[in-house]
């Protein structure tokens, strides 16, 4: 016959788990961990794919903006060069410098000619 203390311990444990249904729940949780891990991995993977796609879209937008800015900077540098040349021209007049500074520009400040 089993020790009364051990029997009491087993009965108390079963009661604490809610009878056999509670014990079944604990067993199902232990056995279902693999499925939970697989579902968690799928969720993490889907989230990572979404974040990577968003970052790629942002990077593409940033590259487009960078191209535009480079074009504008090149146009500004050309305009500054034109004005500098007009200023340092030995035959420069105030009128010629003003004309150089106000010369018409094309798209993004590029010379239309």
C-alpha atoms as a PDB file:
ATOM      1  CA  UNK A   1       0.000   0.000   0.000  1.00  0.00           C
ATOM      2  CA  UNK A   2       1.189   3.516  -0.813  1.00  0.00           C
ATOM      3  CA  UNK A   3       2.332   5.885   1.838  1.00  0.00           C
ATOM      4  CA  UNK A   4      -0.604   8.106   2.980  1.00  0.00           C
ATOM      5  CA  UNK A   5       1.552  11.215   2.558  1.00  0.00           C
ATOM      6  CA  UNK A   6       2.317  10.350  -1.078  1.00  0.00           C
ATOM      7  CA  UNK A   7      -1.338   9.566  -1.806  1.00  0.00           C
ATOM      8  CA  UNK A   8      -2.343  12.884  -0.270  1.00  0.00           C
ATOM      9  CA  UNK A   9       0.247  14.663  -2.418  1.00  0.00           C
ATOM     10  CA  UNK A  10      -1.046  13.039  -5.633  1.00  0.00           C
ATOM     11  CA  UNK A  11      -4.671  13.825  -4.753  1.00  0.00           C
ATOM     12  CA  UNK A  12      -3.751  17.415  -3.947  1.00  0.00           C
ATOM     13  CA  UNK A  13      -1.848  17.773  -7.238  1.00  0.00           C
ATOM     14  CA  UNK A  14      -4.785  16.414  -9.275  1.00  0.00           C
ATOM     15  CA  UNK A  15      -7.191  18.713  -7.445  1.00  0.00           C
ATOM     16  CA  UNK A  16      -4.902  21.692  -8.052  1.00  0.00           C
ATOM     17  CA  UNK A  17      -4.816  20.905 -11.768  1.00  0.00           C
ATOM     18  CA  UNK A  18      -8.587  20.760 -11.899  1.00  0.00           C
ATOM     19  CA  UNK A  19      -9.003  17.026 -12.044  1.00  0.00           C
ATOM     20  CA  UNK A  20      -8.045  14.980 -15.065  1.00  0.00           C
ATOM     21  CA  UNK A  21      -9.242  17.730 -17.430  1.00  0.00           C
ATOM     22  CA  UNK A  22      -6.641  20.085 -15.979  1.00  0.00           C
ATOM     23  CA  UNK A  23      -4.001  17.410 -16.295  1.00  0.00           C
ATOM     24  CA  UNK A  24      -5.043  16.926 -19.906  1.00  0.00           C
ATOM     25  CA  UNK A  25      -4.684  20.659 -20.463  1.00  0.00           C
ATOM     26  CA  UNK A  26      -1.173  20.613 -19.070  1.00  0.00           C
ATOM     27  CA  UNK A  27      -0.271  17.638 -21.257  1.00  0.00           C
ATOM     28  CA  UNK A  28      -1.805  19.316 -24.333  1.00  0.00           C
ATOM     29  CA  UNK A  29       0.190  22.474 -23.613  1.00  0.00           C
ATOM     30  CA  UNK A  30       3.418  20.515 -23.258  1.00  0.00           C
ATOM     31  CA  UNK A  31       2.738  18.487 -26.409  1.00  0.00           C
ATOM     32  CA  UNK A  32       1.533  21.541 -28.383  1.00  0.00           C
ATOM     33  CA  UNK A  33       4.698  23.563 -27.847  1.00  0.00           C
ATOM     34  CA  UNK A  34       6.107  22.483 -31.195  1.00  0.00           C
ATOM     35  CA  UNK A  35       3.034  23.801 -32.997  1.00  0.00           C
ATOM     36  CA  UNK A  36       3.229  27.044 -31.022  1.00  0.00           C
ATOM     37  CA  UNK A  37       6.878  27.468 -31.971  1.00  0.00           C
ATOM     38  CA  UNK A  38       6.083  26.880 -35.644  1.00  0.00           C
ATOM     39  CA  UNK A  39       3.266  29.437 -35.548  1.00  0.00           C
ATOM     40  CA  UNK A  40       5.524  31.903 -33.751  1.00  0.00           C
ATOM     41  CA  UNK A  41       8.228  31.393 -36.374  1.00  0.00           C
ATOM     42  CA  UNK A  42       5.695  32.048 -39.145  1.00  0.00           C
ATOM     43  CA  UNK A  43       4.559  35.268 -37.480  1.00  0.00           C
ATOM     44  CA  UNK A  44       8.140  36.473 -36.965  1.00  0.00           C
ATOM     45  CA  UNK A  45       9.026  35.604 -40.563  1.00  0.00           C
ATOM     46  CA  UNK A  46       5.987  37.433 -41.957  1.00  0.00           C
ATOM     47  CA  UNK A  47       6.803  40.490 -39.854  1.00  0.00           C
ATOM     48  CA  UNK A  48      10.430  40.453 -40.983  1.00  0.00           C
ATOM     49  CA  UNK A  49       9.413  40.192 -44.650  1.00  0.00           C
ATOM     50  CA  UNK A  50       7.043  43.135 -44.228  1.00  0.00           C
ATOM     51  CA  UNK A  51       9.749  45.253 -42.566  1.00  0.00           C
ATOM     52  CA  UNK A  52      12.286  44.398 -45.266  1.00  0.00           C
ATOM     53  CA  UNK A  53       9.798  45.330 -48.006  1.00  0.00           C
ATOM     54  CA  UNK A  54       9.042  48.651 -46.319  1.00  0.00           C
ATOM     55  CA  UNK A  55      12.758  49.398 -45.954  1.00  0.00           C
ATOM     56  CA  UNK A  56      13.382  48.561 -49.618  1.00  0.00           C
ATOM     57  CA  UNK A  57      10.599  50.955 -50.644  1.00  0.00           C
ATOM     58  CA  UNK A  58      12.072  53.679 -48.434  1.00  0.00           C
ATOM     59  CA  UNK A  59      15.549  53.056 -49.859  1.00  0.00           C
ATOM     60  CA  UNK A  60      14.220  53.295 -53.420  1.00  0.00           C
ATOM     61  CA  UNK A  61      12.532  56.597 -52.584  1.00  0.00           C
ATOM     62  CA  UNK A  62      15.698  57.900 -50.948  1.00  0.00           C
ATOM     63  CA  UNK A  63      17.761  56.939 -54.007  1.00  0.00           C
ATOM     64  CA  UNK A  64      15.335  58.827 -56.267  1.00  0.00           C
ATOM     65  CA  UNK A  65      15.479  61.867 -54.020  1.00  0.00           C
ATOM     66  CA  UNK A  66      19.281  61.673 -53.977  1.00  0.00           C
ATOM     67  CA  UNK A  67      19.381  61.648 -57.801  1.00  0.00           C
ATOM     68  CA  UNK A  68      17.170  64.747 -57.875  1.00  0.00           C
ATOM     69  CA  UNK A  69      19.317  66.516 -55.288  1.00  0.00           C
ATOM     70  CA  UNK A  70      22.519  65.681 -57.164  1.00  0.00           C
ATOM     71  CA  UNK A  71      21.034  67.161 -60.346  1.00  0.00           C
ATOM     72  CA  UNK A  72      20.018  70.320 -58.506  1.00  0.00           C
ATOM     73  CA  UNK A  73      23.418  70.662 -56.818  1.00  0.00           C
ATOM     74  CA  UNK A  74      25.176  70.264 -60.173  1.00  0.00           C
ATOM     75  CA  UNK A  75      22.945  72.971 -61.660  1.00  0.00           C
ATOM     76  CA  UNK A  76      23.651  75.300 -58.738  1.00  0.00           C
ATOM     77  CA  UNK A  77      27.384  74.677 -59.044  1.00  0.00           C
ATOM     78  CA  UNK A  78      27.225  75.489 -62.769  1.00  0.00           C
ATOM     79  CA  UNK A  79      25.300  78.686 -62.033  1.00  0.00           C
ATOM     80  CA  UNK A  80      27.814  79.737 -59.378  1.00  0.00           C
ATOM     81  CA  UNK A  81      30.642  79.010 -61.788  1.00  0.00           C
ATOM     82  CA  UNK A  82      28.975  81.138 -64.475  1.00  0.00           C
ATOM     83  CA  UNK A  83      28.548  84.028 -62.031  1.00  0.00           C
ATOM     84  CA  UNK A  84      32.142  83.681 -60.793  1.00  0.00           C
ATOM     85  CA  UNK A  85      33.457  83.750 -64.345  1.00  0.00           C
ATOM     86  CA  UNK A  86      31.384  86.881 -65.016  1.00  0.00           C
ATOM     87  CA  UNK A  87      32.730  88.567 -61.891  1.00  0.00           C
ATOM     88  CA  UNK A  88      36.396  87.778 -62.645  1.00  0.00           C
ATOM     89  CA  UNK A  89      36.130  88.694 -66.317  1.00  0.00           C
ATOM     90  CA  UNK A  90      38.517  91.631 -66.922  1.00  0.00           C
ATOM     91  CA  UNK A  91      35.860  93.331 -69.018  1.00  0.00           C
ATOM     92  CA  UNK A  92      33.143  92.759 -66.396  1.00  0.00           C
ATOM     93  CA  UNK A  93      30.580  95.446 -65.875  1.00  0.00           C
ATOM     94  CA  UNK A  94      27.817  95.619 -63.351  1.00  0.00           C
ATOM     95  CA  UNK A  95      25.376  94.976 -66.157  1.00  0.00           C
ATOM     96  CA  UNK A  96      27.190  91.832 -67.376  1.00  0.00           C
ATOM     97  CA  UNK A  97      27.347  90.446 -63.840  1.00  0.00           C
ATOM     98  CA  UNK A  98      23.641  91.084 -63.349  1.00  0.00           C
ATOM     99  CA  UNK A  99      22.901  89.358 -66.642  1.00  0.00           C
ATOM    100  CA  UNK A 100      25.000  86.342 -65.612  1.00  0.00           C
ATOM    101  CA  UNK A 101      23.247  86.160 -62.251  1.00  0.00           C
ATOM    102  CA  UNK A 102      19.790  86.413 -63.818  1.00  0.00           C
ATOM    103  CA  UNK A 103      20.418  84.197 -66.834  1.00  0.00           C
ATOM    104  CA  UNK A 104      17.465  81.967 -67.674  1.00  0.00           C
ATOM    105  CA  UNK A 105      17.720  78.380 -66.493  1.00  0.00           C
ATOM    106  CA  UNK A 106      15.926  75.230 -67.541  1.00  0.00           C
ATOM    107  CA  UNK A 107      14.593  72.304 -65.557  1.00  0.00           C
ATOM    108  CA  UNK A 108      16.300  71.974 -62.168  1.00  0.00           C
ATOM    109  CA  UNK A 109      18.381  75.046 -62.912  1.00  0.00           C
ATOM    110  CA  UNK A 110      20.075  73.540 -65.963  1.00  0.00           C
ATOM    111  CA  UNK A 111      21.129  75.771 -68.816  1.00  0.00           C
ATOM    112  CA  UNK A 112      18.348  75.629 -71.428  1.00  0.00           C
ATOM    113  CA  UNK A 113      20.739  76.169 -74.353  1.00  0.00           C
END
